[in-house]
Structures are given as structure tokens and as C-alpha cells.
Amino acid sequence: MWSDTSDDCPTEYGNSTEGGLNACPDMDGDGWADSIDDLPMDPTVWSDTDDDGYGDNLGSTPADACPDTPGTSTIDRYGCVDADGDGYSTPTQGWGVDSGADAFPSDATQWGDFDEDGFGDNYGNASWIDRPENWVGTYIDGAQDQDACPMQPGTSWQNGILGCPDSDGDGWWDVQDAFPGEASQWSDVDGDGYGDNESGANADACPNIAGNSTVDRLGCIDTDGDGRSDPELSWTVVNGGDEFRLEPTQWFDSDADGYGDEIDGFEGDQCPDVYGLSFNDRFGCPDTDRDGWSDPDANWTLDDGADAYINDPLTHIYVEPIVVESEEENFFTSPLMLAVYGIAVLVLAGLAFVMTRGPKQPEMKQFAQVPMQQPMMQQQVAMPVAQANPYQQPVQTQTYAQAAAPPPVVQPDPAMDYYNGLLSQGYTPEQASMYTKQYFPQFNS
């Protein structure tokens, strides 16, 4: 019982003892009169200077962590400023994120950032419910800046993937980046190793078709694998396309004769700047008569294999000409005429021998039949008439003439034979005549 002299509330029943008021009503029984108890219903709190509902006094439950500043934080600490109202206090000096303060004080859907990469641990993508159980964060509908890799620091931000490792800093998660080490490229739709970003490094000239070209353009079809892309309507040989798409050792043909400019390649053009169709002694050089043997020039002579007769498709090897003064002389000194001469000599010699060995026996018989009783004079007169001179050769005019003039023999004409041979091969009379006169100057068709 309090005496009336010490009862501060003489007309009211009470049992307060603190704060200079005795015997006044104290509903929570904390010793503080209700009239001066900031929280008259909380026996642990009687002082709340900032009037935020959290006590200042020692032993208050819960105690106000910021007794001089009203606040609504309730999770990391009580009674401190919570700007976004998510329960986590705004960081202050001496109480930062490491202590538990809100890592995102202006975002009510985020507060934690375990890997400290600036993206929140909470997620709002319902499809992520299969995340590993040990990952931090919780599902919050509508969560902003959700960290797709909350346990790994990262700077990715492209394609809706935030906070994952991004080695080249292009915004693409390394796992999704086709070129994690090249910031100007990240996509490779056709998978040929060349990026789809046309303004980036090593841009794919054919982004939708896998290719292996590397010289004239990148990432286009290169059938023979020589680095030059196959030509097409929008990229021709003029642009640099491969003129020999099936031959890996050739790609350009400057003179358009079908032989490549690479001298060490297949059928390399030895006259790359001059159109030519030669293919026997060398490739791609002028060949006037189209026999495959190139025309000689200052750097390629007959000794090297050039065509000795550039206007004659039937021959190319040089032959030393036989000097003939005239066709008439050639005729009378030909082997055939020499044979005729020999036969004529043999015939004449035989006739001479026969005439020298003429018949004698009949003359002797005629001489013997002369009667012996005839007078000497008669015999002497008759003898010259009847006796033939054995030393006189009979004149056989007809027979000699036949032996001396044998029947005429048709002589071969090599010039005409050569001319006719060209005609049979399809040459015109003018062409055949021109080629024939090269070897038979006196020929006249």
C-alpha cells in the first residue's frame, strides 16, 4: 500500500514504480506507469524515442536498432529505415550488405546478392523451380534482375540471362556465346566457326550455310578446300570466287583460257597473261595451228619444244630441207630414172654382143657350093656377090630403136600426194595448197 503522500495517482489504483510515478496504473507490469510507458502493453519496452514501435531501453524485445530514427525494418534488424518495404533495412554506416542490409534497397523483390555481381538472388521465372536446392534466393512473383547464376558472379545480360559468367564482356553468357573469347561475335547459326554479326570480327559471309572458305570471303562453301569460295550469282569469279571449284591447286585464270595462273598447280598456265590453248610442250600459250604445240617466243624456243611449223597442224618437229634446184633435175636424178638408165645400158650391151657374134656357118656352105670347074674369073666375080663380110655388123634399126626408147613410166608426185592427203583430212583447197608449198615451193595446184 502506498501512503497518500507518496501516491502519484491517489484516485487510481496502480502499482507503477519507475519514471518518478508511483502507484499509477501499469497495465503491462513493467514498473512504468501507462502514462509514460511508450508501449504500455509490452512489459519489455517502455521507451520508444522515435516512436516506430521498437523499444529503446535495454532488454527491449525486439530492441530498436535505430532508436533515434524511425524505421520499419523487421528482418536483418528492427526499427531501421526500409525504403522498399521488403523488411530488410537500408544499409547504413556500420551496417552494410555483409551485415544483412538490403542489397537492393529500392527493389522490393530483391534483397540478397550472394555472389555480389549486382543481380538479385530471388527469381520470378516459374520455369526455374528445378534449380539446385543449395542455391540462394526464393521465388518471388515478378522478381526483377533475377540472377540466373546466383552462386557465380557474372555480368551477362543478353537473352534474359543475367549475372552469369561472360568472359568477353559482350553480354552473352559463356555457355550461350558461340565465341566466348570474342566480344564482337556471339552467334553462329550454321556452326561453321564464323560469326553471324556482319560488323564483327571474322564475320560469316554466308551465315545460313555452313562453309569453310577463308580467302575471298569467310564461311562459304569451298568444294575443293583451297580456301576460295565457290562462285554463285551474287559472288562471281570477278569478286574473287574460285574459277576451278573442283581443283584445289588452281583458283584464278587471268586470261580465261582454261589454264590456272598457279604455275606449280595442276596444268599451270605458262603464259598466264596471254590467251593460249597449247597443251603438249606447255600449257596455256598461243598455238596458231591448234595442234597442241605452242608457238615459239623469246623465252621458249624450238629447243624447249616449241612448234617448228606454227601454221601446219600435221607436224611440229623441225626437219632440215633438201635443196633441189628444179623439179626437172629432181625427176632425172630420181632413183626410178637411175634404174631405167641401168636397164637401158644392159639392153644395149646385150644387143652389141649378139651382133658381134653373128652366124658364119651358112656363109661357109655357100662358099663351098661354088663349082670348082668354073673359071677363076667367074669365081672371083661371084665371090664378092655371094660372100658376106663376117666383120660387118648387121644394122637392125627397128630392134635398136625399141631398146633405146622403153615405154614411158608414170612418175610419183610427192607434192600432189601431200596435197591430196590434206584434202582427205578436211582442209580446204586453199589451206592444203598453202601448207604444201611450204615443202614443195614449185607446187602448183
Protein backbone atom coordinates (compact mmCIF):
# COMPACT_ATOMS: atom_id res chain seq x y z
CA MET A 1 0.00 0.00 0.00
CA TRP A 2 1.19 3.43 -0.87
CA SER A 3 0.63 6.31 1.53
CA ASP A 4 -1.37 9.15 0.22
CA THR A 5 1.67 11.36 0.48
CA SER A 6 3.66 9.09 -1.97
CA ASP A 7 0.79 8.04 -4.26
CA ASP A 8 1.12 9.92 -7.53
CA CYS A 9 -2.30 8.69 -8.58
CA PRO A 10 -4.27 8.83 -5.33
CA THR A 11 -7.57 8.38 -7.06
CA GLU A 12 -6.48 5.46 -9.30
CA TYR A 13 -5.30 2.11 -8.42
CA GLY A 14 -1.84 1.34 -9.68
CA ASN A 15 1.49 -0.19 -8.99
CA SER A 16 4.00 1.73 -11.09
CA THR A 17 7.36 2.39 -9.58
CA GLU A 18 9.55 3.79 -12.36
CA GLY A 19 9.92 7.07 -14.01
CA GLY A 20 9.00 9.15 -10.90
CA LEU A 21 5.43 7.99 -10.81
CA ASN A 22 4.40 5.69 -8.08
CA ALA A 23 1.16 3.79 -7.65
CA CYS A 24 -0.15 4.71 -11.06
CA PRO A 25 -1.83 2.33 -13.47
CA ASP A 26 0.76 -0.01 -15.18
CA MET A 27 -1.09 -2.46 -17.42
CA ASP A 28 2.00 -4.38 -18.65
CA GLY A 29 3.51 -4.52 -15.18
CA ASP A 30 6.90 -3.29 -16.33
CA GLY A 31 7.02 -0.68 -13.49
CA TRP A 32 6.36 2.17 -15.79
CA ALA A 33 3.11 3.98 -15.46
CA ASP A 34 0.95 3.69 -18.52
CA SER A 35 1.00 7.42 -18.89
CA ILE A 36 4.75 7.47 -19.50
CA ASP A 37 5.18 3.94 -20.95
CA ASP A 38 5.67 4.21 -24.75
CA LEU A 39 4.48 0.65 -25.11
CA PRO A 40 2.07 0.15 -22.20
CA MET A 41 1.14 -3.29 -23.43
CA ASP A 42 4.72 -4.60 -23.80
CA PRO A 43 6.35 -5.39 -20.49
CA THR A 44 9.84 -5.33 -22.15
CA VAL A 45 9.58 -1.92 -23.63
CA TRP A 46 8.71 1.38 -22.07
CA SER A 47 10.79 3.79 -24.16
CA ASP A 48 10.44 4.37 -27.92
CA THR A 49 12.07 7.66 -28.67
CA ASP A 50 11.49 7.55 -32.43
CA ASP A 51 8.03 6.17 -31.97
CA ASP A 52 8.47 3.40 -34.52
CA GLY A 53 7.16 0.66 -32.25
CA TYR A 54 10.53 -0.72 -31.22
CA GLY A 55 11.85 -0.07 -27.78
CA ASP A 56 14.93 1.88 -26.89
CA ASN A 57 15.51 0.51 -23.43
CA LEU A 58 17.96 -2.24 -22.65
CA GLY A 59 16.25 -5.57 -22.83
CA SER A 60 13.57 -4.44 -25.19
CA THR A 61 12.20 -7.23 -27.29
CA PRO A 62 12.72 -6.54 -30.05
CA ALA A 63 15.11 -3.71 -29.48
CA ASP A 64 15.18 -0.77 -31.84
CA ALA A 65 18.44 -0.94 -33.81
CA CYS A 66 17.97 2.64 -34.87
CA PRO A 67 16.40 4.25 -31.72
CA ASP A 68 16.76 7.76 -32.98
CA THR A 69 15.43 7.09 -36.47
CA PRO A 70 12.01 5.64 -37.04
CA GLY A 71 12.04 2.61 -39.26
CA THR A 72 10.04 -0.43 -40.30
CA SER A 73 12.73 -2.99 -40.95
CA THR A 74 11.97 -6.33 -39.36
CA ILE A 75 14.35 -8.92 -40.80
CA ASP A 76 18.02 -8.02 -40.64
CA ARG A 77 17.35 -5.57 -37.76
CA TYR A 78 14.39 -3.76 -36.19
CA GLY A 79 13.27 -0.21 -36.40
CA CYS A 80 15.58 0.97 -39.12
CA VAL A 81 14.80 2.57 -42.43
CA ASP A 82 13.43 0.11 -45.01
CA ALA A 83 12.93 2.16 -48.16
CA ASP A 84 11.35 -0.53 -50.31
CA GLY A 85 9.36 -2.13 -47.51
CA ASP A 86 10.64 -5.63 -48.04
CA GLY A 87 11.66 -6.00 -44.37
CA TYR A 88 15.35 -5.53 -44.96
CA SER A 89 16.89 -2.33 -43.71
CA THR A 90 18.63 0.14 -45.89
CA PRO A 91 22.40 -0.12 -45.42
CA THR A 92 23.90 2.43 -43.03
CA GLN A 93 27.34 3.16 -41.72
CA GLY A 94 28.34 0.22 -39.67
CA TRP A 95 25.57 -1.96 -41.10
CA GLY A 96 26.09 -2.92 -44.69
CA VAL A 97 25.04 -5.71 -47.01
CA ASP A 98 27.53 -8.04 -45.39
CA SER A 99 25.70 -7.49 -42.10
CA GLY A 100 22.39 -8.28 -43.71
CA ALA A 101 21.18 -4.96 -45.02
CA ASP A 102 19.18 -4.82 -48.23
CA ALA A 103 21.43 -5.25 -51.31
CA PHE A 104 18.65 -3.70 -53.38
CA PRO A 105 17.12 -1.04 -51.11
CA SER A 106 14.88 0.29 -53.85
CA ASP A 107 13.63 -3.07 -55.18
CA ALA A 108 11.05 -4.79 -53.04
CA THR A 109 11.52 -8.07 -54.97
CA GLN A 110 15.23 -8.36 -54.28
CA TRP A 111 17.39 -8.00 -51.21
CA GLY A 112 20.16 -10.57 -51.38
CA ASP A 113 23.12 -10.84 -53.76
CA PHE A 114 25.15 -13.83 -52.68
CA ASP A 115 27.78 -13.57 -55.44
CA GLU A 116 27.81 -9.77 -55.27
CA ASP A 117 27.51 -9.32 -59.03
CA GLY A 118 24.65 -6.84 -58.86
CA PHE A 119 21.86 -9.26 -59.74
CA GLY A 120 19.36 -10.46 -57.15
CA ASP A 121 19.16 -13.97 -55.77
CA ASN A 122 15.37 -14.14 -55.98
CA TYR A 123 13.80 -15.32 -59.22
CA GLY A 124 10.48 -14.71 -60.88
CA ASN A 125 10.72 -17.25 -63.69
CA ALA A 126 8.48 -20.13 -62.74
CA SER A 127 10.40 -22.47 -65.02
CA TRP A 128 13.40 -22.20 -62.75
CA ILE A 129 11.79 -24.23 -59.97
CA ASP A 130 14.13 -27.08 -60.74
CA ARG A 131 17.13 -25.11 -59.54
CA PRO A 132 19.56 -26.87 -57.21
CA GLU A 133 18.34 -26.85 -53.61
CA ASN A 134 21.54 -25.28 -52.33
CA TRP A 135 21.09 -22.15 -54.41
CA VAL A 136 20.19 -18.99 -52.57
CA GLY A 137 17.09 -16.94 -53.28
CA THR A 138 13.42 -17.71 -53.43
CA TYR A 139 10.62 -17.46 -55.93
CA ILE A 140 9.05 -14.01 -55.93
CA ASP A 141 6.38 -13.32 -58.49
CA GLY A 142 7.56 -10.50 -60.70
CA ALA A 143 11.10 -10.54 -59.33
CA GLN A 144 13.38 -8.06 -61.10
CA ASP A 145 17.01 -8.54 -62.17
CA GLN A 146 16.95 -12.22 -61.31
CA ASP A 147 20.40 -13.79 -61.21
CA ALA A 148 20.48 -16.87 -63.48
CA CYS A 149 23.72 -17.94 -61.81
CA PRO A 150 23.27 -16.80 -58.18
CA MET A 151 26.23 -18.82 -56.93
CA GLN A 152 28.66 -17.47 -59.58
CA PRO A 153 29.48 -13.83 -60.18
CA GLY A 154 28.85 -12.72 -63.75
CA THR A 155 27.99 -9.79 -65.97
CA SER A 156 25.85 -11.40 -68.66
CA TRP A 157 22.65 -9.61 -69.56
CA GLN A 158 21.71 -10.74 -73.06
CA ASN A 159 18.86 -13.10 -73.92
CA GLY A 160 17.31 -12.75 -70.44
CA ILE A 161 20.27 -14.44 -68.74
CA LEU A 162 21.57 -12.12 -66.02
CA GLY A 163 24.55 -12.48 -63.76
CA CYS A 164 26.30 -15.43 -65.40
CA PRO A 165 29.98 -15.61 -66.44
CA ASP A 166 30.70 -13.58 -69.58
CA SER A 167 34.41 -13.84 -70.39
CA ASP A 168 34.50 -11.40 -73.32
CA GLY A 169 32.05 -8.90 -71.82
CA ASP A 170 29.66 -8.85 -74.75
CA GLY A 171 26.67 -9.53 -72.51
CA TRP A 172 26.29 -13.15 -73.56
CA TRP A 173 26.66 -15.98 -71.06
CA ASP A 174 29.72 -18.02 -71.98
CA VAL A 175 27.56 -21.15 -72.25
CA GLN A 176 25.36 -19.48 -74.86
CA ASP A 177 28.13 -17.46 -76.52
CA ALA A 178 29.43 -19.21 -79.67
CA PHE A 179 32.57 -17.09 -79.33
CA PRO A 180 33.19 -16.61 -75.57
CA GLY A 181 36.57 -15.05 -76.28
CA GLU A 182 35.47 -12.58 -78.98
CA ALA A 183 33.34 -9.67 -77.84
CA SER A 184 32.15 -8.78 -81.35
CA GLN A 185 30.67 -12.21 -82.07
CA TRP A 186 28.34 -14.46 -80.12
CA SER A 187 26.13 -16.29 -82.61
CA ASP A 188 26.97 -18.90 -85.27
CA VAL A 189 23.72 -20.25 -86.68
CA ASP A 190 25.31 -22.57 -89.26
CA GLY A 191 28.03 -23.73 -86.86
CA ASP A 192 30.94 -23.23 -89.25
CA GLY A 193 33.07 -21.21 -86.85
CA TYR A 194 32.37 -17.77 -88.33
CA GLY A 195 30.18 -15.26 -86.50
CA ASP A 196 26.82 -14.03 -87.73
CA ASN A 197 27.45 -10.40 -86.73
CA GLU A 198 28.44 -8.88 -90.07
CA SER A 199 30.21 -5.97 -88.36
CA GLY A 200 32.16 -8.22 -86.03
CA ALA A 201 35.48 -9.98 -86.39
CA ASN A 202 35.65 -12.83 -88.91
CA ALA A 203 32.06 -12.27 -89.99
CA ASP A 204 30.35 -15.11 -91.84
CA ALA A 205 29.60 -14.08 -95.45
CA CYS A 206 27.13 -16.98 -95.71
CA PRO A 207 25.62 -17.08 -92.19
CA ASN A 208 22.88 -19.57 -93.01
CA ILE A 209 25.02 -22.06 -94.96
CA ALA A 210 27.97 -23.80 -93.35
CA GLY A 211 31.17 -23.25 -95.29
CA ASN A 212 34.94 -23.45 -94.98
CA SER A 213 36.20 -20.68 -97.29
CA THR A 214 38.87 -18.46 -95.76
CA VAL A 215 40.41 -16.30 -98.51
CA ASP A 216 37.99 -14.32 -100.68
CA ARG A 217 35.24 -14.47 -98.05
CA LEU A 218 34.64 -16.37 -94.83
CA GLY A 219 32.28 -19.23 -94.07
CA CYS A 220 31.01 -20.02 -97.56
CA ILE A 221 31.08 -23.31 -99.47
CA ASP A 222 34.55 -24.24 -100.72
CA THR A 223 34.20 -27.56 -102.54
CA ASP A 224 37.87 -28.23 -103.23
CA GLY A 225 39.10 -26.90 -99.88
CA ASP A 226 41.64 -24.43 -101.26
CA GLY A 227 40.25 -21.53 -99.23
CA ARG A 228 38.46 -19.84 -102.14
CA SER A 229 34.68 -19.99 -102.07
CA ASP A 230 32.63 -21.44 -104.89
CA PRO A 231 31.17 -18.75 -107.17
CA GLU A 232 27.44 -18.04 -107.20
CA LEU A 233 25.04 -15.49 -108.63
CA SER A 234 25.87 -12.87 -106.00
CA TRP A 235 29.57 -13.71 -105.82
CA THR A 236 31.25 -14.46 -109.13
CA VAL A 237 34.85 -15.00 -110.18
CA VAL A 238 35.06 -11.25 -110.67
CA ASN A 239 34.51 -10.83 -106.93
CA GLY A 240 37.13 -13.46 -106.17
CA GLY A 241 35.21 -16.74 -106.42
CA ASP A 242 37.12 -19.92 -107.31
CA GLU A 243 37.35 -20.38 -111.10
CA PHE A 244 38.40 -24.00 -110.52
CA ARG A 245 35.99 -25.12 -107.78
CA LEU A 246 36.99 -28.78 -108.15
CA GLU A 247 40.77 -28.28 -108.38
CA PRO A 248 42.47 -27.33 -105.08
CA THR A 249 45.72 -26.20 -106.74
CA GLN A 250 44.11 -23.61 -109.04
CA TRP A 251 41.66 -20.76 -108.45
CA PHE A 252 42.35 -17.90 -110.91
CA ASP A 253 42.54 -17.78 -114.74
CA SER A 254 43.52 -14.25 -115.70
CA ASP A 255 43.49 -14.81 -119.48
CA ALA A 256 40.39 -17.05 -119.46
CA ASP A 257 41.99 -19.84 -121.49
CA GLY A 258 41.07 -22.63 -119.10
CA TYR A 259 44.51 -22.97 -117.51
CA GLY A 260 45.10 -21.72 -113.95
CA ASP A 261 47.53 -18.97 -113.07
CA GLU A 262 49.30 -21.07 -110.41
CA ILE A 263 52.34 -22.31 -112.35
CA ASP A 264 53.00 -25.06 -109.78
CA GLY A 265 49.37 -26.18 -109.75
CA PHE A 266 47.59 -28.66 -111.98
CA GLU A 267 48.24 -27.72 -115.65
CA GLY A 268 49.65 -24.35 -114.62
CA ASP A 269 49.41 -21.65 -117.28
CA GLN A 270 52.91 -20.82 -118.53
CA CYS A 271 51.54 -17.77 -120.33
CA PRO A 272 49.09 -16.53 -117.64
CA ASP A 273 48.54 -13.12 -119.20
CA VAL A 274 48.14 -14.31 -122.81
CA TYR A 275 45.27 -16.45 -124.07
CA GLY A 276 46.50 -19.76 -125.45
CA LEU A 277 45.39 -23.36 -125.92
CA SER A 278 48.68 -25.27 -126.13
CA PHE A 279 48.87 -28.41 -124.01
CA ASN A 280 51.78 -30.57 -125.23
CA ASP A 281 55.04 -28.73 -124.63
CA ARG A 282 53.49 -26.23 -122.20
CA PHE A 283 50.01 -25.20 -121.05
CA GLY A 284 48.00 -22.13 -122.00
CA CYS A 285 50.29 -20.46 -124.55
CA PRO A 286 49.46 -19.30 -128.12
CA ASP A 287 49.08 -22.20 -130.58
CA THR A 288 48.31 -20.86 -134.05
CA ASP A 289 47.62 -24.16 -135.82
CA ARG A 290 45.83 -25.74 -132.80
CA ASP A 291 48.00 -28.86 -132.82
CA GLY A 292 48.71 -28.63 -129.09
CA TRP A 293 52.28 -27.38 -129.52
CA SER A 294 52.88 -23.76 -128.56
CA ASP A 295 54.28 -21.10 -130.85
CA PRO A 296 57.90 -20.21 -130.09
CA ASP A 297 58.71 -16.91 -128.40
CA ALA A 298 61.65 -15.13 -126.84
CA ASN A 299 61.55 -17.33 -123.75
CA TRP A 300 60.50 -20.61 -125.37
CA THR A 301 62.36 -21.80 -128.46
CA LEU A 302 62.39 -24.91 -130.64
CA ASP A 303 64.98 -26.38 -128.29
CA ASP A 304 62.47 -26.12 -125.47
CA GLY A 305 59.84 -27.95 -127.52
CA ALA A 306 58.01 -25.17 -129.34
CA ASP A 307 56.22 -25.80 -132.65
CA ALA A 308 58.63 -25.53 -135.60
CA TYR A 309 55.72 -25.11 -138.01
CA ILE A 310 53.11 -22.87 -136.40
CA ASN A 311 50.86 -22.96 -139.48
CA ASP A 312 50.98 -26.71 -140.05
CA PRO A 313 48.85 -28.82 -137.65
CA LEU A 314 50.33 -32.06 -139.03
CA THR A 315 53.87 -31.56 -137.82
CA HIS A 316 55.80 -29.63 -135.22
CA ILE A 317 59.35 -31.09 -135.36
CA TYR A 318 61.85 -29.18 -137.48
CA VAL A 319 63.26 -31.11 -140.48
CA GLU A 320 66.29 -29.89 -142.44
CA PRO A 321 65.02 -29.21 -146.00
CA ILE A 322 66.57 -30.94 -149.07
CA VAL A 323 67.82 -28.34 -151.54
CA VAL A 324 66.54 -29.09 -155.08
CA GLU A 325 67.43 -26.70 -157.89
CA SER A 326 64.44 -27.61 -160.08
CA GLU A 327 61.74 -30.19 -160.39
CA GLU A 328 63.18 -31.28 -163.76
CA GLU A 329 66.57 -32.04 -162.24
CA ASN A 330 64.91 -33.84 -159.39
CA PHE A 331 63.00 -36.02 -161.88
CA PHE A 332 66.03 -37.10 -163.94
CA THR A 333 68.09 -37.86 -160.85
CA SER A 334 65.41 -39.80 -159.03
CA PRO A 335 66.09 -43.47 -158.10
CA LEU A 336 63.48 -44.66 -160.60
CA MET A 337 65.17 -42.92 -163.51
CA LEU A 338 68.54 -44.25 -162.42
CA ALA A 339 67.07 -47.74 -162.57
CA VAL A 340 65.71 -47.08 -166.06
CA TYR A 341 69.11 -45.88 -167.15
CA GLY A 342 70.70 -49.04 -165.85
CA ILE A 343 68.25 -51.27 -167.71
CA ALA A 344 68.82 -49.38 -170.93
CA VAL A 345 72.59 -49.85 -170.65
CA LEU A 346 72.19 -53.58 -170.10
CA VAL A 347 69.89 -53.89 -173.12
CA LEU A 348 72.33 -52.02 -175.37
CA ALA A 349 75.25 -54.10 -174.19
CA GLY A 350 73.34 -57.31 -174.93
CA LEU A 351 72.47 -56.22 -178.45
CA ALA A 352 76.04 -55.31 -179.16
CA PHE A 353 77.19 -58.72 -178.05
CA VAL A 354 74.63 -60.51 -180.23
CA MET A 355 75.58 -58.57 -183.37
CA THR A 356 79.25 -59.21 -182.78
CA ARG A 357 78.62 -62.97 -182.64
CA GLY A 358 76.60 -63.09 -185.98
CA PRO A 359 76.07 -66.52 -187.94
CA LYS A 360 79.09 -67.74 -190.08
CA GLN A 361 78.28 -71.34 -190.97
CA PRO A 362 75.76 -70.60 -193.71
CA GLU A 363 78.25 -68.37 -195.45
CA MET A 364 80.81 -71.15 -195.47
CA LYS A 365 78.33 -73.52 -197.02
CA GLN A 366 77.55 -71.04 -199.70
CA PHE A 367 81.23 -70.71 -200.43
CA ALA A 368 81.67 -74.46 -200.60
CA GLN A 369 78.88 -74.96 -203.13
CA VAL A 370 80.64 -72.90 -205.75
CA PRO A 371 81.68 -75.37 -208.63
CA MET A 372 85.36 -75.92 -208.86
CA GLN A 373 85.24 -76.19 -212.64
CA GLN A 374 84.16 -72.57 -213.02
CA PRO A 375 86.82 -70.29 -214.31
CA MET A 376 88.83 -68.41 -211.83
CA MET A 377 87.41 -65.21 -213.14
CA GLN A 378 83.90 -66.37 -212.51
CA GLN A 379 84.75 -67.37 -209.04
CA GLN A 380 86.42 -64.09 -208.45
CA VAL A 381 83.44 -62.22 -209.80
CA ALA A 382 80.91 -64.27 -207.94
CA MET A 383 82.63 -64.25 -204.59
CA PRO A 384 82.02 -60.65 -203.80
CA VAL A 385 78.39 -61.12 -204.54
CA ALA A 386 77.84 -64.34 -202.69
CA GLN A 387 80.13 -63.85 -199.67
CA ALA A 388 79.07 -61.79 -196.76
CA ASN A 389 81.54 -59.79 -194.79
CA PRO A 390 81.87 -61.57 -191.48
CA TYR A 391 83.19 -58.43 -189.81
CA GLN A 392 80.35 -56.20 -190.79
CA GLN A 393 77.65 -55.90 -188.16
CA PRO A 394 74.12 -56.09 -189.45
CA VAL A 395 72.12 -52.94 -188.98
CA GLN A 396 68.96 -53.71 -187.01
CA THR A 397 67.31 -50.34 -186.95
CA GLN A 398 63.94 -51.46 -185.67
CA THR A 399 65.24 -53.57 -182.82
CA TYR A 400 67.69 -50.90 -181.59
CA ALA A 401 65.07 -48.23 -181.60
CA GLN A 402 62.79 -50.36 -179.44
CA ALA A 403 65.53 -50.96 -176.84
CA ALA A 404 66.65 -47.35 -176.69
CA ALA A 405 63.13 -45.97 -176.06
CA PRO A 406 61.40 -48.01 -173.34
CA PRO A 407 57.73 -47.37 -172.73
CA PRO A 408 57.08 -44.28 -170.52
CA VAL A 409 56.69 -44.88 -166.74
CA VAL A 410 54.28 -42.77 -164.67
CA GLN A 411 56.42 -40.93 -162.13
CA PRO A 412 55.21 -40.38 -158.46
CA ASP A 413 54.45 -36.79 -157.47
CA PRO A 414 55.11 -36.36 -153.67
CA ALA A 415 53.81 -32.79 -153.70
CA MET A 416 50.48 -33.85 -155.15
CA ASP A 417 50.29 -36.80 -152.72
CA TYR A 418 50.83 -34.44 -149.74
CA TYR A 419 48.23 -32.02 -151.13
CA ASN A 420 45.65 -34.79 -151.60
CA GLY A 421 46.36 -36.10 -148.10
CA LEU A 422 45.45 -32.71 -146.59
CA LEU A 423 42.24 -32.59 -148.61
CA SER A 424 41.26 -36.02 -147.29
CA GLN A 425 41.68 -34.70 -143.72
CA GLY A 426 39.17 -31.93 -144.25
CA TYR A 427 41.39 -28.97 -145.17
CA THR A 428 40.13 -26.58 -147.79
CA PRO A 429 41.97 -26.49 -151.15
CA GLU A 430 43.41 -23.09 -150.20
CA GLN A 431 44.74 -24.37 -146.86
CA ALA A 432 46.12 -27.58 -148.41
CA SER A 433 47.86 -25.60 -151.15
CA MET A 434 49.40 -23.18 -148.62
CA TYR A 435 50.80 -25.99 -146.43
CA THR A 436 52.08 -27.98 -149.49
CA LYS A 437 54.03 -25.00 -150.87
CA GLN A 438 55.94 -24.78 -147.58
CA TYR A 439 57.73 -28.02 -148.53
CA PHE A 440 57.34 -28.01 -152.34
CA PRO A 441 57.87 -24.42 -153.49
CA GLN A 442 57.24 -25.31 -157.19
CA PHE A 443 53.89 -26.93 -156.45
CA ASN A 444 51.01 -25.51 -158.39
CA SER A 445 47.60 -26.95 -157.63
